[in-house]
Amino acid sequence: MSTHPITRRAILGGAGALALGGMVACSRGPSDPSGPSEVTYQLSWTHSVQFGGTYLAQDRGLFEEQGLRVSFAPGGPNVAGDASTVSGAALLNVSAADGVARSNAEGADLVIVGAQYQKSAATILSLAGAPIERPEDLVGKKIGVATANNPALSAFLSINGLAEDRVEFVPSQYDPAVLTAGQVDGLYCFYNDLPVALAVQGVEAHSMLLADFGYNPMSQTYTVLRSSLEDEETRDRIVRLIRADAQGWQLYQDDPEAAAELTLELYPDAGLDLATQREQAEVQLDIMYSDATDEFGFGWFTDEQIAENLRLFELLGIDGGTEALWDRTLLEEIYRDGPAA
């Protein structure tokens, strides 16, 4: 998804896109008596339950079981996960397919090896009294949208056969006040943050996920350097990192409230409140899990999703994307014996 404006931090205490990185001190494996590999797991935003499954993996010792000692580095609007991986500062980061394709167009050689989100979090938020429920409901409406997200909204309209001049784009910061004040009819935002903020405030609203109507860029992608997959030891380290992380996200699916409580326990000074974290934890279930993840395992992606994203790249004018951008062999190894990583 597009880079989120910095004002998101004030709204949800740091909910944002997850970036996963690892700087490895050595190549010791899980059975090596000399000790675990040191790994830095870099987040792309400040701490919140957005990363709840990863926190659970740490808290339950799942990384340690894989021979990894993981420390978390909070991110923010200036964190460039893809660039960190390209530079070698990160072993793996979580990005988005369109961003990875753009990075490759600029000379990176990155590969997507998994997808945490089954649905893009992009949504049109409207008030319950005048809900925008389907694309055709956008006609004649004022939609608040940050300039960076204009191409995405334009692409969504095109996919649904709607001329852009039938919808009024209203330049907007990432703030629900323009919606609650009646300045716009809808607001382009992300499903697991502004809708959560309004719900906690008792404001009834409706979210129309763009992914439900043909616009579903692959999001929260596990992303690595292609050369990392060509080195046996490095590839094995990536497999172990994803395996433990996936186990944490499976725990999250079973008990999102535990993830919310753990988040506040770990980061009491992050400006978070429990009610918001609990709501966000529940909301994320809608976009992180699917029939495919139940059948094949967390982070799975299909050939159909790849084809859909390649068509979207063409619509958005993004170079750098071919089928070679994706590699599912790590997930196939992790889930060789079934969806329990």
Protein backbone atom coordinates (compact mmCIF):
# COMPACT_ATOMS: atom_id res chain seq x y z
CA MET A 1 0.00 0.00 0.00
CA SER A 2 1.05 3.59 -0.30
CA THR A 3 3.24 5.29 2.28
CA HIS A 4 1.05 6.56 5.11
CA PRO A 5 1.23 10.19 6.21
CA ILE A 6 2.91 10.81 9.53
CA THR A 7 -0.39 11.85 11.13
CA ARG A 8 -1.30 8.17 11.45
CA ARG A 9 0.94 8.02 14.49
CA ALA A 10 -1.14 10.52 16.40
CA ILE A 11 -4.32 8.66 15.56
CA LEU A 12 -3.42 5.13 16.55
CA GLY A 13 -0.19 5.35 18.45
CA GLY A 14 1.80 4.03 15.55
CA ALA A 15 -0.26 1.60 13.50
CA GLY A 16 1.38 1.23 10.12
CA ALA A 17 2.95 -1.08 7.66
CA LEU A 18 5.21 -3.76 9.01
CA ALA A 19 8.80 -4.06 7.91
CA LEU A 20 10.79 -7.11 8.89
CA GLY A 21 14.55 -7.10 8.86
CA GLY A 22 17.41 -9.12 10.17
CA MET A 23 21.07 -8.34 10.65
CA VAL A 24 22.81 -11.59 11.33
CA ALA A 25 25.94 -11.83 13.42
CA CYS A 26 26.78 -15.36 12.32
CA SER A 27 25.32 -18.44 10.67
CA ARG A 28 24.63 -20.60 13.68
CA GLY A 29 21.56 -22.81 13.35
CA PRO A 30 18.93 -23.89 15.90
CA SER A 31 20.95 -26.92 17.01
CA ASP A 32 24.30 -25.16 17.22
CA PRO A 33 25.54 -25.27 20.85
CA SER A 34 27.51 -22.06 20.35
CA GLY A 35 24.30 -20.07 20.56
CA PRO A 36 21.61 -18.45 18.43
CA SER A 37 22.04 -16.08 15.52
CA GLU A 38 21.51 -12.44 16.42
CA VAL A 39 18.74 -10.92 14.29
CA THR A 40 17.32 -7.40 14.26
CA TYR A 41 13.69 -7.36 13.24
CA GLN A 42 12.96 -3.84 12.03
CA LEU A 43 9.41 -2.53 12.14
CA SER A 44 8.32 0.09 9.64
CA TRP A 45 6.28 2.01 12.18
CA THR A 46 6.18 2.62 15.90
CA HIS A 47 5.09 -0.21 18.16
CA SER A 48 1.45 -1.32 18.15
CA VAL A 49 -0.61 -4.49 17.91
CA GLN A 50 -0.12 -4.21 14.13
CA PHE A 51 2.88 -6.41 14.94
CA GLY A 52 1.09 -8.52 17.55
CA GLY A 53 1.86 -11.92 16.02
CA THR A 54 5.55 -11.09 15.92
CA TYR A 55 5.47 -10.02 19.57
CA LEU A 56 3.79 -13.32 20.47
CA ALA A 57 6.47 -15.23 18.60
CA GLN A 58 9.09 -13.47 20.70
CA ASP A 59 7.19 -13.82 23.96
CA ARG A 60 6.56 -17.56 23.49
CA GLY A 61 10.16 -18.31 22.56
CA LEU A 62 9.40 -19.29 18.97
CA PHE A 63 12.33 -17.40 17.45
CA GLU A 64 14.64 -18.93 20.04
CA GLU A 65 13.39 -22.39 19.10
CA GLN A 66 14.54 -21.63 15.57
CA GLY A 67 18.00 -20.68 16.75
CA LEU A 68 17.43 -16.94 16.48
CA ARG A 69 17.81 -14.16 19.03
CA VAL A 70 15.59 -11.36 17.73
CA SER A 71 15.49 -7.73 18.79
CA PHE A 72 12.89 -5.29 17.47
CA ALA A 73 13.73 -1.85 16.11
CA PRO A 74 10.75 0.51 15.80
CA GLY A 75 10.36 2.27 12.49
CA GLY A 76 8.48 5.31 11.28
CA PRO A 77 7.77 7.38 8.18
CA ASN A 78 11.44 7.61 7.28
CA VAL A 79 12.15 3.89 7.45
CA ALA A 80 12.80 2.39 4.00
CA GLY A 81 12.55 -1.35 4.43
CA ASP A 82 13.39 -2.27 0.85
CA ALA A 83 16.46 -0.04 0.89
CA SER A 84 17.61 -1.62 4.15
CA THR A 85 17.43 -5.06 2.57
CA VAL A 86 19.21 -3.94 -0.57
CA SER A 87 22.01 -2.36 1.48
CA GLY A 88 22.48 -5.52 3.55
CA ALA A 89 21.37 -3.88 6.80
CA ALA A 90 18.28 -6.09 6.80
CA LEU A 91 17.95 -9.75 5.95
CA LEU A 92 14.23 -9.55 5.21
CA ASN A 93 11.61 -6.80 5.32
CA VAL A 94 7.87 -6.67 4.94
CA SER A 95 6.83 -4.32 2.16
CA ALA A 96 4.13 -4.20 -0.53
CA ALA A 97 4.22 -5.67 -4.02
CA ASP A 98 3.90 -2.34 -5.83
CA GLY A 99 6.70 -0.85 -3.73
CA VAL A 100 8.95 -3.85 -4.35
CA ALA A 101 8.33 -3.60 -8.09
CA ARG A 102 9.24 0.10 -8.01
CA SER A 103 12.43 -0.72 -6.07
CA ASN A 104 13.39 -3.31 -8.67
CA ALA A 105 12.73 -0.82 -11.46
CA GLU A 106 15.37 1.36 -9.78
CA GLY A 107 17.93 -1.44 -9.71
CA ALA A 108 17.10 -3.56 -6.67
CA ASP A 109 16.84 -7.31 -7.07
CA LEU A 110 14.20 -8.17 -4.49
CA VAL A 111 11.89 -11.15 -4.27
CA ILE A 112 8.56 -11.54 -2.46
CA VAL A 113 8.48 -14.84 -0.56
CA GLY A 114 5.23 -14.45 1.43
CA ALA A 115 2.30 -12.12 2.08
CA GLN A 116 0.98 -11.37 5.55
CA TYR A 117 -2.15 -9.60 4.28
CA GLN A 118 -4.59 -11.58 2.17
CA LYS A 119 -6.48 -8.38 1.45
CA SER A 120 -5.13 -4.89 0.99
CA ALA A 121 -6.15 -2.67 3.90
CA ALA A 122 -7.13 0.20 1.59
CA THR A 123 -10.73 1.23 2.22
CA ILE A 124 -13.26 4.00 1.71
CA LEU A 125 -14.58 5.03 5.11
CA SER A 126 -18.02 6.64 5.34
CA LEU A 127 -20.46 7.42 8.13
CA ALA A 128 -23.14 4.82 8.89
CA GLY A 129 -25.91 7.31 8.17
CA ALA A 130 -24.75 7.69 4.55
CA PRO A 131 -22.71 4.58 3.80
CA ILE A 132 -20.66 4.07 0.65
CA GLU A 133 -21.11 0.35 0.15
CA ARG A 134 -20.31 -0.25 -3.52
CA PRO A 135 -18.12 1.49 -6.12
CA GLU A 136 -21.13 3.03 -7.87
CA ASP A 137 -22.00 4.79 -4.61
CA LEU A 138 -18.93 6.98 -5.18
CA VAL A 139 -20.52 8.78 -8.11
CA GLY A 140 -21.15 12.43 -7.24
CA LYS A 141 -19.41 12.08 -3.88
CA LYS A 142 -16.54 14.03 -2.33
CA ILE A 143 -13.76 11.66 -1.27
CA GLY A 144 -10.94 12.82 0.96
CA VAL A 145 -7.65 11.36 -0.22
CA ALA A 146 -4.00 12.15 0.40
CA THR A 147 -2.17 13.09 -2.79
CA ALA A 148 0.09 10.02 -2.51
CA ASN A 149 -2.98 7.81 -2.74
CA ASN A 150 -4.57 9.48 -5.78
CA PRO A 151 -3.16 6.86 -8.22
CA ALA A 152 -4.63 4.04 -6.14
CA LEU A 153 -8.09 5.60 -6.02
CA SER A 154 -7.91 6.36 -9.75
CA ALA A 155 -6.98 2.73 -10.45
CA PHE A 156 -9.87 1.52 -8.31
CA LEU A 157 -12.31 3.65 -10.28
CA SER A 158 -10.89 2.39 -13.57
CA ILE A 159 -11.15 -1.25 -12.49
CA ASN A 160 -14.80 -0.67 -11.69
CA GLY A 161 -15.62 1.16 -14.91
CA LEU A 162 -16.07 4.58 -13.32
CA ALA A 163 -14.74 7.75 -14.92
CA GLU A 164 -12.54 9.74 -12.57
CA ASP A 165 -14.46 12.96 -13.26
CA ARG A 166 -17.56 11.43 -11.67
CA VAL A 167 -15.90 11.54 -8.25
CA GLU A 168 -14.49 14.63 -6.57
CA PHE A 169 -11.06 14.07 -5.06
CA VAL A 170 -10.64 16.34 -2.02
CA PRO A 171 -7.00 16.74 -0.90
CA SER A 172 -6.90 15.58 2.68
CA GLN A 173 -4.50 14.80 5.44
CA TYR A 174 -4.89 11.46 7.17
CA ASP A 175 -7.51 12.75 9.61
CA PRO A 176 -11.09 11.48 10.14
CA ALA A 177 -12.22 14.97 11.22
CA VAL A 178 -12.94 15.92 7.59
CA LEU A 179 -15.41 13.03 7.46
CA THR A 180 -17.09 13.54 10.83
CA ALA A 181 -17.39 17.29 10.11
CA GLY A 182 -19.18 16.58 6.83
CA GLN A 183 -16.51 18.11 4.60
CA VAL A 184 -16.32 14.88 2.59
CA ASP A 185 -18.65 11.94 2.00
CA GLY A 186 -15.91 9.35 2.26
CA LEU A 187 -12.25 9.06 3.20
CA TYR A 188 -9.57 6.90 1.58
CA CYS A 189 -7.75 5.28 4.48
CA PHE A 190 -6.73 1.91 5.86
CA TYR A 191 -9.05 -0.64 7.37
CA ASN A 192 -7.06 -1.33 10.51
CA ASP A 193 -6.55 2.26 11.71
CA LEU A 194 -9.02 5.14 11.08
CA PRO A 195 -12.12 2.90 11.20
CA VAL A 196 -10.76 1.57 14.49
CA ALA A 197 -10.21 5.09 15.82
CA LEU A 198 -13.83 6.04 15.08
CA ALA A 199 -15.20 2.81 16.52
CA VAL A 200 -13.39 3.39 19.80
CA GLN A 201 -14.87 6.90 19.90
CA GLY A 202 -18.35 5.44 19.41
CA VAL A 203 -18.79 6.81 15.89
CA GLU A 204 -20.69 4.38 13.66
CA ALA A 205 -19.10 4.09 10.24
CA HIS A 206 -18.86 1.80 7.24
CA SER A 207 -15.70 0.56 5.53
CA MET A 208 -15.72 -0.50 1.88
CA LEU A 209 -12.59 -2.58 1.33
CA LEU A 210 -11.23 -1.87 -2.13
CA ALA A 211 -9.97 -5.46 -2.26
CA ASP A 212 -13.57 -6.67 -2.33
CA PHE A 213 -14.07 -4.83 -5.62
CA GLY A 214 -11.00 -5.72 -7.64
CA TYR A 215 -8.24 -3.54 -6.18
CA ASN A 216 -6.00 -5.80 -4.11
CA PRO A 217 -2.29 -4.99 -4.29
CA MET A 218 -0.39 -7.61 -2.34
CA SER A 219 0.45 -6.10 1.04
CA GLN A 220 2.75 -6.80 3.96
CA THR A 221 5.03 -8.91 1.83
CA TYR A 222 8.01 -10.82 3.17
CA THR A 223 10.74 -9.45 0.91
CA VAL A 224 14.36 -10.57 0.49
CA LEU A 225 17.27 -10.11 -1.87
CA ARG A 226 17.35 -12.67 -4.64
CA SER A 227 21.00 -13.32 -3.83
CA SER A 228 19.99 -14.30 -0.27
CA LEU A 229 18.04 -17.22 -1.69
CA GLU A 230 21.06 -18.40 -3.64
CA ASP A 231 23.17 -18.85 -0.48
CA GLU A 232 22.14 -22.01 1.38
CA GLU A 233 22.88 -20.74 4.90
CA THR A 234 21.19 -17.39 4.35
CA ARG A 235 18.16 -19.01 2.78
CA ASP A 236 17.84 -21.36 5.74
CA ARG A 237 18.00 -18.41 8.12
CA ILE A 238 15.16 -16.69 6.26
CA VAL A 239 13.09 -19.88 6.39
CA ARG A 240 13.56 -20.12 10.15
CA LEU A 241 12.67 -16.47 10.66
CA ILE A 242 9.46 -16.74 8.64
CA ARG A 243 8.54 -20.05 10.25
CA ALA A 244 8.72 -18.61 13.77
CA ASP A 245 6.94 -15.43 12.73
CA ALA A 246 4.15 -17.43 11.10
CA GLN A 247 3.73 -19.49 14.27
CA GLY A 248 3.32 -16.25 16.19
CA TRP A 249 0.65 -15.07 13.78
CA GLN A 250 -1.16 -18.38 14.17
CA LEU A 251 -1.25 -17.73 17.92
CA TYR A 252 -2.55 -14.25 17.18
CA GLN A 253 -5.42 -15.68 15.13
CA ASP A 254 -6.48 -17.83 18.08
CA ASP A 255 -6.23 -15.04 20.66
CA PRO A 256 -5.91 -11.48 19.30
CA GLU A 257 -6.76 -10.02 22.72
CA ALA A 258 -3.64 -11.64 24.18
CA ALA A 259 -1.62 -9.87 21.49
CA ALA A 260 -3.20 -6.52 22.41
CA GLU A 261 -2.44 -7.00 26.10
CA LEU A 262 1.11 -8.12 25.37
CA THR A 263 1.69 -5.05 23.20
CA LEU A 264 0.87 -2.70 26.08
CA GLU A 265 2.92 -4.80 28.48
CA LEU A 266 5.97 -4.64 26.24
CA TYR A 267 5.61 -0.98 25.24
CA PRO A 268 3.89 0.94 28.05
CA ASP A 269 5.43 4.23 26.92
CA ALA A 270 4.32 3.99 23.27
CA GLY A 271 1.19 6.11 23.81
CA LEU A 272 -1.19 3.18 23.24
CA ASP A 273 -4.51 2.44 24.91
CA LEU A 274 -5.91 -1.04 25.45
CA ALA A 275 -9.35 -0.40 23.95
CA THR A 276 -7.87 0.73 20.63
CA GLN A 277 -5.34 -2.08 20.54
CA ARG A 278 -8.04 -4.68 21.21
CA GLU A 279 -10.25 -3.29 18.45
CA GLN A 280 -7.39 -3.13 15.99
CA ALA A 281 -6.34 -6.67 16.84
CA GLU A 282 -9.82 -7.97 16.01
CA VAL A 283 -10.16 -5.92 12.83
CA GLN A 284 -6.89 -7.25 11.41
CA LEU A 285 -8.28 -10.78 11.39
CA ASP A 286 -10.43 -9.79 8.40
CA ILE A 287 -7.46 -9.03 6.15
CA MET A 288 -4.72 -11.37 7.39
CA TYR A 289 -6.45 -14.74 7.16
CA SER A 290 -8.42 -16.49 4.43
CA ASP A 291 -9.45 -19.89 3.12
CA ALA A 292 -6.04 -20.04 1.44
CA THR A 293 -4.14 -19.49 4.70
CA ASP A 294 -6.34 -22.08 6.43
CA GLU A 295 -5.53 -24.60 3.72
CA PHE A 296 -1.90 -23.80 2.95
CA GLY A 297 -0.53 -21.72 5.83
CA PHE A 298 -0.03 -18.15 6.99
CA GLY A 299 1.55 -15.85 4.42
CA TRP A 300 0.49 -17.96 1.43
CA PHE A 301 -0.14 -16.40 -1.97
CA THR A 302 -1.55 -17.87 -5.17
CA ASP A 303 -0.74 -17.72 -8.87
CA GLU A 304 -4.02 -15.85 -9.31
CA GLN A 305 -2.85 -13.15 -6.88
CA ILE A 306 0.38 -12.78 -8.82
CA ALA A 307 -1.50 -12.36 -12.09
CA GLU A 308 -3.87 -9.85 -10.48
CA ASN A 309 -0.97 -7.77 -9.20
CA LEU A 310 0.82 -7.80 -12.55
CA ARG A 311 -2.35 -6.42 -14.18
CA LEU A 312 -2.51 -3.78 -11.48
CA PHE A 313 1.11 -2.79 -12.11
CA GLU A 314 0.22 -2.14 -15.75
CA LEU A 315 -2.73 0.02 -14.71
CA LEU A 316 -0.57 2.00 -12.29
CA GLY A 317 2.28 2.36 -14.78
CA ILE A 318 4.73 0.49 -12.54
CA ASP A 319 7.79 -1.07 -14.15
CA GLY A 320 9.95 -3.71 -12.51
CA GLY A 321 7.29 -6.37 -12.04
CA THR A 322 7.30 -9.81 -13.66
CA GLU A 323 6.40 -13.28 -12.39
CA ALA A 324 10.02 -13.54 -11.22
CA LEU A 325 9.17 -10.99 -8.51
CA TRP A 326 7.59 -13.84 -6.49
CA ASP A 327 9.03 -17.09 -5.10
CA ARG A 328 6.80 -19.47 -3.15
CA THR A 329 9.40 -22.18 -2.52
CA LEU A 330 10.18 -21.04 1.02
CA LEU A 331 6.53 -21.29 2.04
CA GLU A 332 6.31 -24.67 0.35
CA GLU A 333 9.24 -25.82 2.47
CA ILE A 334 7.81 -24.37 5.68
CA TYR A 335 4.39 -25.95 5.13
CA ARG A 336 5.64 -29.20 3.62
CA ASP A 337 3.77 -31.18 6.29
CA GLY A 338 0.69 -28.97 6.43
CA PRO A 339 -0.41 -25.44 7.36
CA ALA A 340 0.95 -25.58 10.92
CA ALA A 341 4.38 -24.02 10.34
